[in-house]
C-alpha atoms as a PDB file:
ATOM      1  CA  MET A   1     111.867 101.216 109.255  1.00  0.00           C
ATOM      2  CA  THR A   2     112.548  99.773 105.834  1.00  0.00           C
ATOM      3  CA  LYS A   3     115.761 101.004 104.179  1.00  0.00           C
ATOM      4  CA  LEU A   4     114.785 103.399 101.496  1.00  0.00           C
ATOM      5  CA  PRO A   5     116.695 105.217  98.889  1.00  0.00           C
ATOM      6  CA  PRO A   6     116.318 109.084  99.075  1.00  0.00           C
ATOM      7  CA  LEU A   7     113.912 110.838  96.768  1.00  0.00           C
ATOM      8  CA  ASN A   8     115.448 112.305  93.682  1.00  0.00           C
ATOM      9  CA  ARG A   9     114.569 114.573  90.852  1.00  0.00           C
ATOM     10  CA  ASN A  10     113.018 111.792  88.996  1.00  0.00           C
ATOM     11  CA  SER A  11     110.521 111.098  91.782  1.00  0.00           C
ATOM     12  CA  ALA A  12     106.739 111.883  91.738  1.00  0.00           C
ATOM     13  CA  VAL A  13     105.589 111.918  95.408  1.00  0.00           C
ATOM     14  CA  PHE A  14     102.050 111.236  96.531  1.00  0.00           C
ATOM     15  CA  LEU A  15     101.187 111.385 100.125  1.00  0.00           C
ATOM     16  CA  ASP A  16      98.128 110.392 102.107  1.00  0.00           C
ATOM     17  CA  ILE A  17      97.472 112.766 105.070  1.00  0.00           C
ATOM     18  CA  ASP A  18      95.871 111.194 108.240  1.00  0.00           C
ATOM     19  CA  GLY A  19      98.058 108.505 109.677  1.00  0.00           C
ATOM     20  CA  THR A  20     100.724 109.133 107.109  1.00  0.00           C
ATOM     21  CA  LEU A  21     101.930 112.760 107.312  1.00  0.00           C
ATOM     22  CA  ILE A  22     100.131 113.553 110.538  1.00  0.00           C
ATOM     23  CA  ASP A  23      99.001 111.385 113.541  1.00  0.00           C
ATOM     24  CA  LEU A  24      95.446 110.118 113.782  1.00  0.00           C
ATOM     25  CA  ALA A  25      93.190 111.807 116.262  1.00  0.00           C
ATOM     26  CA  PRO A  26      89.838 111.052 117.865  1.00  0.00           C
ATOM     27  CA  THR A  27      88.046 113.263 115.303  1.00  0.00           C
ATOM     28  CA  PRO A  28      89.143 114.764 111.903  1.00  0.00           C
ATOM     29  CA  GLN A  29      89.001 118.241 113.330  1.00  0.00           C
ATOM     30  CA  SER A  30      91.338 117.594 116.317  1.00  0.00           C
ATOM     31  CA  VAL A  31      94.394 116.461 114.348  1.00  0.00           C
ATOM     32  CA  GLN A  32      97.649 118.498 114.898  1.00  0.00           C
ATOM     33  CA  VAL A  33      99.915 119.504 112.073  1.00  0.00           C
ATOM     34  CA  PRO A  34     103.520 119.412 113.172  1.00  0.00           C
ATOM     35  CA  PRO A  35     105.148 122.921 113.152  1.00  0.00           C
ATOM     36  CA  GLY A  36     106.872 123.568 109.896  1.00  0.00           C
ATOM     37  CA  LEU A  37     105.218 120.669 107.879  1.00  0.00           C
ATOM     38  CA  PRO A  38     103.533 122.799 105.310  1.00  0.00           C
ATOM     39  CA  ASP A  39     106.872 124.583 104.603  1.00  0.00           C
ATOM     40  CA  VAL A  40     108.515 121.108 104.321  1.00  0.00           C
ATOM     41  CA  LEU A  41     105.992 119.982 101.732  1.00  0.00           C
ATOM     42  CA  ARG A  42     106.504 123.208  99.721  1.00  0.00           C
ATOM     43  CA  LYS A  43     110.254 122.818  99.835  1.00  0.00           C
ATOM     44  CA  THR A  44     110.203 119.178  98.985  1.00  0.00           C
ATOM     45  CA  ARG A  45     107.790 119.968  96.062  1.00  0.00           C
ATOM     46  CA  ALA A  46     110.285 122.594  94.784  1.00  0.00           C
ATOM     47  CA  ARG A  47     113.129 120.240  94.993  1.00  0.00           C
ATOM     48  CA  LEU A  48     111.215 117.779  92.962  1.00  0.00           C
ATOM     49  CA  GLY A  49     110.383 120.235  90.203  1.00  0.00           C
ATOM     50  CA  GLY A  50     106.628 120.562  91.346  1.00  0.00           C
ATOM     51  CA  ALA A  51     105.971 116.740  91.367  1.00  0.00           C
ATOM     52  CA  LEU A  52     104.323 116.398  94.900  1.00  0.00           C
ATOM     53  CA  ALA A  53     100.669 115.876  95.503  1.00  0.00           C
ATOM     54  CA  LEU A  54      98.393 114.986  98.461  1.00  0.00           C
ATOM     55  CA  ILE A  55      95.944 112.207  97.966  1.00  0.00           C
ATOM     56  CA  SER A  56      93.492 112.150 100.805  1.00  0.00           C
ATOM     57  CA  GLY A  57      89.960 111.200 101.931  1.00  0.00           C
ATOM     58  CA  ARG A  58      89.619 114.782 103.303  1.00  0.00           C
ATOM     59  CA  LYS A  59      87.603 117.578 101.765  1.00  0.00           C
ATOM     60  CA  LEU A  60      89.590 120.019  99.748  1.00  0.00           C
ATOM     61  CA  ALA A  61      88.758 122.773 102.183  1.00  0.00           C
ATOM     62  CA  ASP A  62      90.127 120.697 104.920  1.00  0.00           C
ATOM     63  CA  ILE A  63      93.441 119.967 103.102  1.00  0.00           C
ATOM     64  CA  ASP A  64      93.905 123.715 102.340  1.00  0.00           C
ATOM     65  CA  SER A  65      93.058 124.576 106.064  1.00  0.00           C
ATOM     66  CA  LEU A  66      95.764 122.232 107.311  1.00  0.00           C
ATOM     67  CA  PHE A  67      98.562 123.021 104.718  1.00  0.00           C
ATOM     68  CA  GLY A  68      97.659 126.175 103.079  1.00  0.00           C
ATOM     69  CA  PRO A  69      96.058 126.540  99.636  1.00  0.00           C
ATOM     70  CA  GLY A  70      97.458 125.579  96.366  1.00  0.00           C
ATOM     71  CA  LEU A  71      99.145 122.215  96.714  1.00  0.00           C
ATOM     72  CA  PRO A  72      98.244 119.662  94.024  1.00  0.00           C
ATOM     73  CA  CYS A  73      95.823 117.237  95.659  1.00  0.00           C
ATOM     74  CA  ALA A  74      93.198 114.778  95.260  1.00  0.00           C
ATOM     75  CA  ALA A  75      90.392 115.329  97.711  1.00  0.00           C
ATOM     76  CA  GLU A  76      87.662 112.858  98.961  1.00  0.00           C
ATOM     77  CA  HIS A  77      89.728 109.724  97.582  1.00  0.00           C
ATOM     78  CA  GLY A  78      90.041 111.381  94.166  1.00  0.00           C
ATOM     79  CA  SER A  79      86.535 112.640  93.709  1.00  0.00           C
ATOM     80  CA  LEU A  80      87.895 116.169  93.206  1.00  0.00           C
ATOM     81  CA  LEU A  81      91.330 116.774  91.802  1.00  0.00           C
ATOM     82  CA  ARG A  82      93.547 119.846  91.696  1.00  0.00           C
ATOM     83  CA  GLY A  83      96.477 119.626  89.347  1.00  0.00           C
ATOM     84  CA  ALA A  84      99.719 121.369  89.520  1.00  0.00           C
ATOM     85  CA  ASP A  85      98.112 124.164  87.338  1.00  0.00           C
ATOM     86  CA  GLY A  86      95.539 124.822  90.093  1.00  0.00           C
ATOM     87  CA  VAL A  87      92.659 123.650  87.756  1.00  0.00           C
ATOM     88  CA  LEU A  88      89.858 121.645  89.630  1.00  0.00           C
ATOM     89  CA  THR A  89      88.509 118.449  87.934  1.00  0.00           C
ATOM     90  CA  GLN A  90      85.405 116.733  89.460  1.00  0.00           C
ATOM     91  CA  LYS A  91      85.199 112.958  88.922  1.00  0.00           C
ATOM     92  CA  VAL A  92      81.885 112.059  90.615  1.00  0.00           C
ATOM     93  CA  LYS A  93      78.551 113.468  91.422  1.00  0.00           C
ATOM     94  CA  ARG A  94      77.109 113.848  94.971  1.00  0.00           C
ATOM     95  CA  LEU A  95      75.297 110.862  96.299  1.00  0.00           C
ATOM     96  CA  ALA A  96      71.729 110.915  95.076  1.00  0.00           C
ATOM     97  CA  ALA A  97      70.436 109.954  98.660  1.00  0.00           C
ATOM     98  CA  TYR A  98      72.848 112.270 100.418  1.00  0.00           C
ATOM     99  CA  ASP A  99      70.376 114.412 102.225  1.00  0.00           C
ATOM    100  CA  GLN A 100      68.091 111.442 103.077  1.00  0.00           C
ATOM    101  CA  TRP A 101      70.931 109.379 104.390  1.00  0.00           C
ATOM    102  CA  LEU A 102      72.276 112.360 106.412  1.00  0.00           C
ATOM    103  CA  ARG A 103      68.988 112.691 108.115  1.00  0.00           C
ATOM    104  CA  VAL A 104      68.937 108.885 109.045  1.00  0.00           C
ATOM    105  CA  LEU A 105      72.575 108.743 110.254  1.00  0.00           C
ATOM    106  CA  LYS A 106      72.157 111.803 112.439  1.00  0.00           C
ATOM    107  CA  ALA A 107      69.022 110.481 114.016  1.00  0.00           C
ATOM    108  CA  GLU A 108      70.506 106.956 114.582  1.00  0.00           C
ATOM    109  CA  SER A 109      73.762 108.426 115.975  1.00  0.00           C
ATOM    110  CA  GLU A 110      71.849 110.494 118.653  1.00  0.00           C
ATOM    111  CA  GLU A 111      71.491 107.162 120.503  1.00  0.00           C
ATOM    112  CA  MET A 112      75.171 106.376 120.044  1.00  0.00           C
ATOM    113  CA  PRO A 113      77.263 108.826 122.207  1.00  0.00           C
ATOM    114  CA  GLY A 114      80.776 109.362 120.625  1.00  0.00           C
ATOM    115  CA  VAL A 115      79.725 108.474 116.956  1.00  0.00           C
ATOM    116  CA  LEU A 116      80.506 111.398 114.588  1.00  0.00           C
ATOM    117  CA  ILE A 117      78.884 111.925 111.224  1.00  0.00           C
ATOM    118  CA  GLU A 118      81.125 113.862 108.913  1.00  0.00           C
ATOM    119  CA  GLU A 119      79.545 115.625 105.937  1.00  0.00           C
ATOM    120  CA  LYS A 120      81.767 115.916 102.914  1.00  0.00           C
ATOM    121  CA  GLU A 121      81.148 117.594  99.542  1.00  0.00           C
ATOM    122  CA  PHE A 122      80.288 114.242  97.874  1.00  0.00           C
ATOM    123  CA  SER A 123      80.241 111.578 100.640  1.00  0.00           C
ATOM    124  CA  LEU A 124      79.173 110.792 104.144  1.00  0.00           C
ATOM    125  CA  VAL A 125      81.457 109.254 106.849  1.00  0.00           C
ATOM    126  CA  VAL A 126      80.425 107.607 110.092  1.00  0.00           C
ATOM    127  CA  HIS A 127      83.311 107.804 112.671  1.00  0.00           C
ATOM    128  CA  TYR A 128      83.223 105.536 115.747  1.00  0.00           C
ATOM    129  CA  ARG A 129      86.802 105.859 117.002  1.00  0.00           C
ATOM    130  CA  ARG A 130      85.459 107.324 120.257  1.00  0.00           C
ATOM    131  CA  ALA A 131      82.697 104.607 120.435  1.00  0.00           C
ATOM    132  CA  PRO A 132      83.911 101.320 119.034  1.00  0.00           C
ATOM    133  CA  GLN A 133      81.092  99.359 120.805  1.00  0.00           C
ATOM    134  CA  PHE A 134      78.700 100.664 118.173  1.00  0.00           C
ATOM    135  CA  GLU A 135      80.633  99.189 115.244  1.00  0.00           C
ATOM    136  CA  PRO A 136      78.297  96.281 114.699  1.00  0.00           C
ATOM    137  CA  ALA A 137      75.106  98.399 114.693  1.00  0.00           C
ATOM    138  CA  LEU A 138      76.660 101.053 112.430  1.00  0.00           C
ATOM    139  CA  SER A 139      77.885  98.361 109.974  1.00  0.00           C
ATOM    140  CA  GLN A 140      74.368  97.024 109.668  1.00  0.00           C
ATOM    141  CA  LEU A 141      73.071 100.513 109.166  1.00  0.00           C
ATOM    142  CA  VAL A 142      75.297 101.569 106.443  1.00  0.00           C
ATOM    143  CA  ASP A 143      75.050  98.243 104.766  1.00  0.00           C
ATOM    144  CA  ARG A 144      71.202  98.707 104.659  1.00  0.00           C
ATOM    145  CA  LEU A 145      71.464 102.104 103.170  1.00  0.00           C
ATOM    146  CA  ILE A 146      74.139 101.250 100.540  1.00  0.00           C
ATOM    147  CA  GLY A 147      72.116  98.101  99.651  1.00  0.00           C
ATOM    148  CA  ALA A 148      69.286 100.313  98.424  1.00  0.00           C
ATOM    149  CA  SER A 149      71.552 102.486  96.253  1.00  0.00           C
ATOM    150  CA  ASP A 150      72.959 101.982  92.718  1.00  0.00           C
ATOM    151  CA  ASP A 151      75.381 105.020  92.831  1.00  0.00           C
ATOM    152  CA  ALA A 152      77.199 104.426  96.151  1.00  0.00           C
ATOM    153  CA  VAL A 153      79.985 102.322  97.542  1.00  0.00           C
ATOM    154  CA  LEU A 154      81.198 101.626 101.099  1.00  0.00           C
ATOM    155  CA  LEU A 155      84.804 102.339 101.997  1.00  0.00           C
ATOM    156  CA  LEU A 156      86.245 100.922 105.250  1.00  0.00           C
ATOM    157  CA  ALA A 157      88.791 102.928 107.153  1.00  0.00           C
ATOM    158  CA  HIS A 158      90.364 103.336 110.442  1.00  0.00           C
ATOM    159  CA  CYS A 159      87.238 103.216 112.810  1.00  0.00           C
ATOM    160  CA  ALA A 160      85.025 104.658 110.016  1.00  0.00           C
ATOM    161  CA  PHE A 161      82.531 103.730 107.422  1.00  0.00           C
ATOM    162  CA  GLU A 162      82.545 106.086 104.301  1.00  0.00           C
ATOM    163  CA  MET A 163      79.504 106.091 101.967  1.00  0.00           C
ATOM    164  CA  LYS A 164      80.791 107.598  98.652  1.00  0.00           C
ATOM    165  CA  PRO A 165      79.838 107.825  94.953  1.00  0.00           C
ATOM    166  CA  ARG A 166      81.100 105.197  92.661  1.00  0.00           C
ATOM    167  CA  GLY A 167      84.298 106.308  90.973  1.00  0.00           C
ATOM    168  CA  GLY A 168      86.892 108.437  92.225  1.00  0.00           C
ATOM    169  CA  ASN A 169      89.609 106.443  94.058  1.00  0.00           C
ATOM    170  CA  LYS A 170      93.238 106.974  95.192  1.00  0.00           C
ATOM    171  CA  ALA A 171      94.735 104.599  92.625  1.00  0.00           C
ATOM    172  CA  ASP A 172      92.876 106.289  89.770  1.00  0.00           C
ATOM    173  CA  ALA A 173      93.858 109.708  91.214  1.00  0.00           C
ATOM    174  CA  LEU A 174      97.567 108.741  91.207  1.00  0.00           C
ATOM    175  CA  ALA A 175      97.175 107.510  87.556  1.00  0.00           C
ATOM    176  CA  TRP A 176      95.505 110.860  86.641  1.00  0.00           C
ATOM    177  CA  PHE A 177      98.476 112.888  88.020  1.00  0.00           C
ATOM    178  CA  MET A 178     100.951 110.602  86.317  1.00  0.00           C
ATOM    179  CA  GLU A 179      99.568 111.514  82.962  1.00  0.00           C
ATOM    180  CA  LYS A 180     100.237 115.286  83.488  1.00  0.00           C
ATOM    181  CA  PRO A 181     103.299 117.488  84.047  1.00  0.00           C
ATOM    182  CA  PRO A 182     105.150 117.699  86.160  1.00  0.00           C
ATOM    183  CA  PHE A 183     104.509 114.169  87.314  1.00  0.00           C
ATOM    184  CA  ALA A 184     104.509 112.283  83.890  1.00  0.00           C
ATOM    185  CA  GLY A 185     107.585 110.327  83.013  1.00  0.00           C
ATOM    186  CA  ARG A 186     108.789 110.025  86.647  1.00  0.00           C
ATOM    187  CA  GLN A 187     108.840 107.173  89.153  1.00  0.00           C
ATOM    188  CA  PRO A 188     105.649 107.436  91.312  1.00  0.00           C
ATOM    189  CA  VAL A 189     106.115 107.089  95.094  1.00  0.00           C
ATOM    190  CA  PHE A 190     103.028 106.794  97.151  1.00  0.00           C
ATOM    191  CA  ILE A 191     102.833 106.652 100.959  1.00  0.00           C
ATOM    192  CA  GLY A 192      99.645 105.634 102.830  1.00  0.00           C
ATOM    193  CA  ASP A 193      98.414 103.934 105.989  1.00  0.00           C
ATOM    194  CA  ASP A 194      94.973 102.729 105.644  1.00  0.00           C
ATOM    195  CA  ILE A 195      92.794 100.115 103.829  1.00  0.00           C
ATOM    196  CA  THR A 196      91.689 103.033 101.325  1.00  0.00           C
ATOM    197  CA  ASP A 197      95.436 103.512 100.453  1.00  0.00           C
ATOM    198  CA  GLU A 198      96.218  99.847  99.443  1.00  0.00           C
ATOM    199  CA  PRO A 199      94.910 100.294  95.809  1.00  0.00           C
ATOM    200  CA  ALA A 200      97.196 103.252  95.266  1.00  0.00           C
ATOM    201  CA  ILE A 201     100.195 101.487  96.903  1.00  0.00           C
ATOM    202  CA  ARG A 202      99.653  98.676  94.449  1.00  0.00           C
ATOM    203  CA  ARG A 203      99.158 100.966  91.434  1.00  0.00           C
ATOM    204  CA  ALA A 204     102.417 102.865  92.173  1.00  0.00           C
ATOM    205  CA  ALA A 205     104.324  99.409  92.229  1.00  0.00           C
ATOM    206  CA  GLU A 206     102.509  98.307  89.055  1.00  0.00           C
ATOM    207  CA  ILE A 207     103.717 101.301  87.052  1.00  0.00           C
ATOM    208  CA  GLY A 208     107.306 100.965  88.230  1.00  0.00           C
ATOM    209  CA  GLY A 209     107.344 103.087  91.354  1.00  0.00           C
ATOM    210  CA  LEU A 210     107.276 102.520  95.084  1.00  0.00           C
ATOM    211  CA  GLY A 211     104.017 101.856  97.004  1.00  0.00           C
ATOM    212  CA  LEU A 212     104.874 102.323 100.681  1.00  0.00           C
ATOM    213  CA  HIS A 213     102.867 101.692 103.880  1.00  0.00           C
ATOM    214  CA  VAL A 214     103.464 103.562 107.143  1.00  0.00           C
ATOM    215  CA  ALA A 215     103.276 100.415 109.324  1.00  0.00           C
ATOM    216  CA  ARG A 216     105.241  98.091 106.899  1.00  0.00           C
ATOM    217  CA  ASP A 217     107.939 100.616 105.749  1.00  0.00           C
ATOM    218  CA  PHE A 218     108.180 103.313 108.390  1.00  0.00           C
ATOM    219  CA  GLY A 219     107.596 101.428 111.698  1.00  0.00           C
ATOM    220  CA  GLY A 220     104.188 102.964 112.001  1.00  0.00           C
ATOM    221  CA  LYS A 221     105.668 106.390 112.734  1.00  0.00           C
ATOM    222  CA  THR A 222     104.446 109.515 110.881  1.00  0.00           C
ATOM    223  CA  GLN A 223     107.717 111.159 111.919  1.00  0.00           C
ATOM    224  CA  GLN A 224     109.561 108.728 109.960  1.00  0.00           C
ATOM    225  CA  VAL A 225     107.639 109.571 106.905  1.00  0.00           C
ATOM    226  CA  ARG A 226     108.257 113.249 107.416  1.00  0.00           C
ATOM    227  CA  ASP A 227     111.963 112.686 108.055  1.00  0.00           C
ATOM    228  CA  TRP A 228     112.281 110.556 104.781  1.00  0.00           C
ATOM    229  CA  ILE A 229     110.599 113.095 102.478  1.00  0.00           C
ATOM    230  CA  MET A 230     113.079 115.739 103.726  1.00  0.00           C
ATOM    231  CA  LEU A 231     116.161 113.659 102.744  1.00  0.00           C
END
């Protein structure tokens, strides 16, 4: 683990969820939240004067189900933002081909045991963690669908392909928070673990903060992340 200074009252903390705060699991629904973690997040937030937010690819409803309602957060990679005041800001529109693509993905995945199609509010995700042998075929499928669209982009993640609207990303979500109280004027600290987190890691460093990676800075251990934010 990289030797890191403890958080202080000038820190603004931004945390990814899966693979950062909690361990990855075979499916998004099968993750386990360590006992006491929701309380740890709220206590850390109080210690930082409210300057803590979750920045995740998960749906807002999933985030609230895991940690309880009310935490500032960016859901679906910044597509939907909830500020410290509780107000929701929507940054994108649902994919124009959402329903059509959902039908295609479900039909194709019926022949691929272990592949999971996740329906988000704005995006669709193809998970193949339980069936990695189908990665090449799935890659071709999502590339074909995305190639016929002018409002969608493809995000690569841990054993997943996410088809999402243009706009709304974790780096821009971090910048959005940093313009608002209680985050404004503080040093941003972002922690993530995935390809989708790298832009926010870079953005935090670019604006004078810390961009941290679970594998590079915490030995690949979510427990190390949880221990550090408690310091």
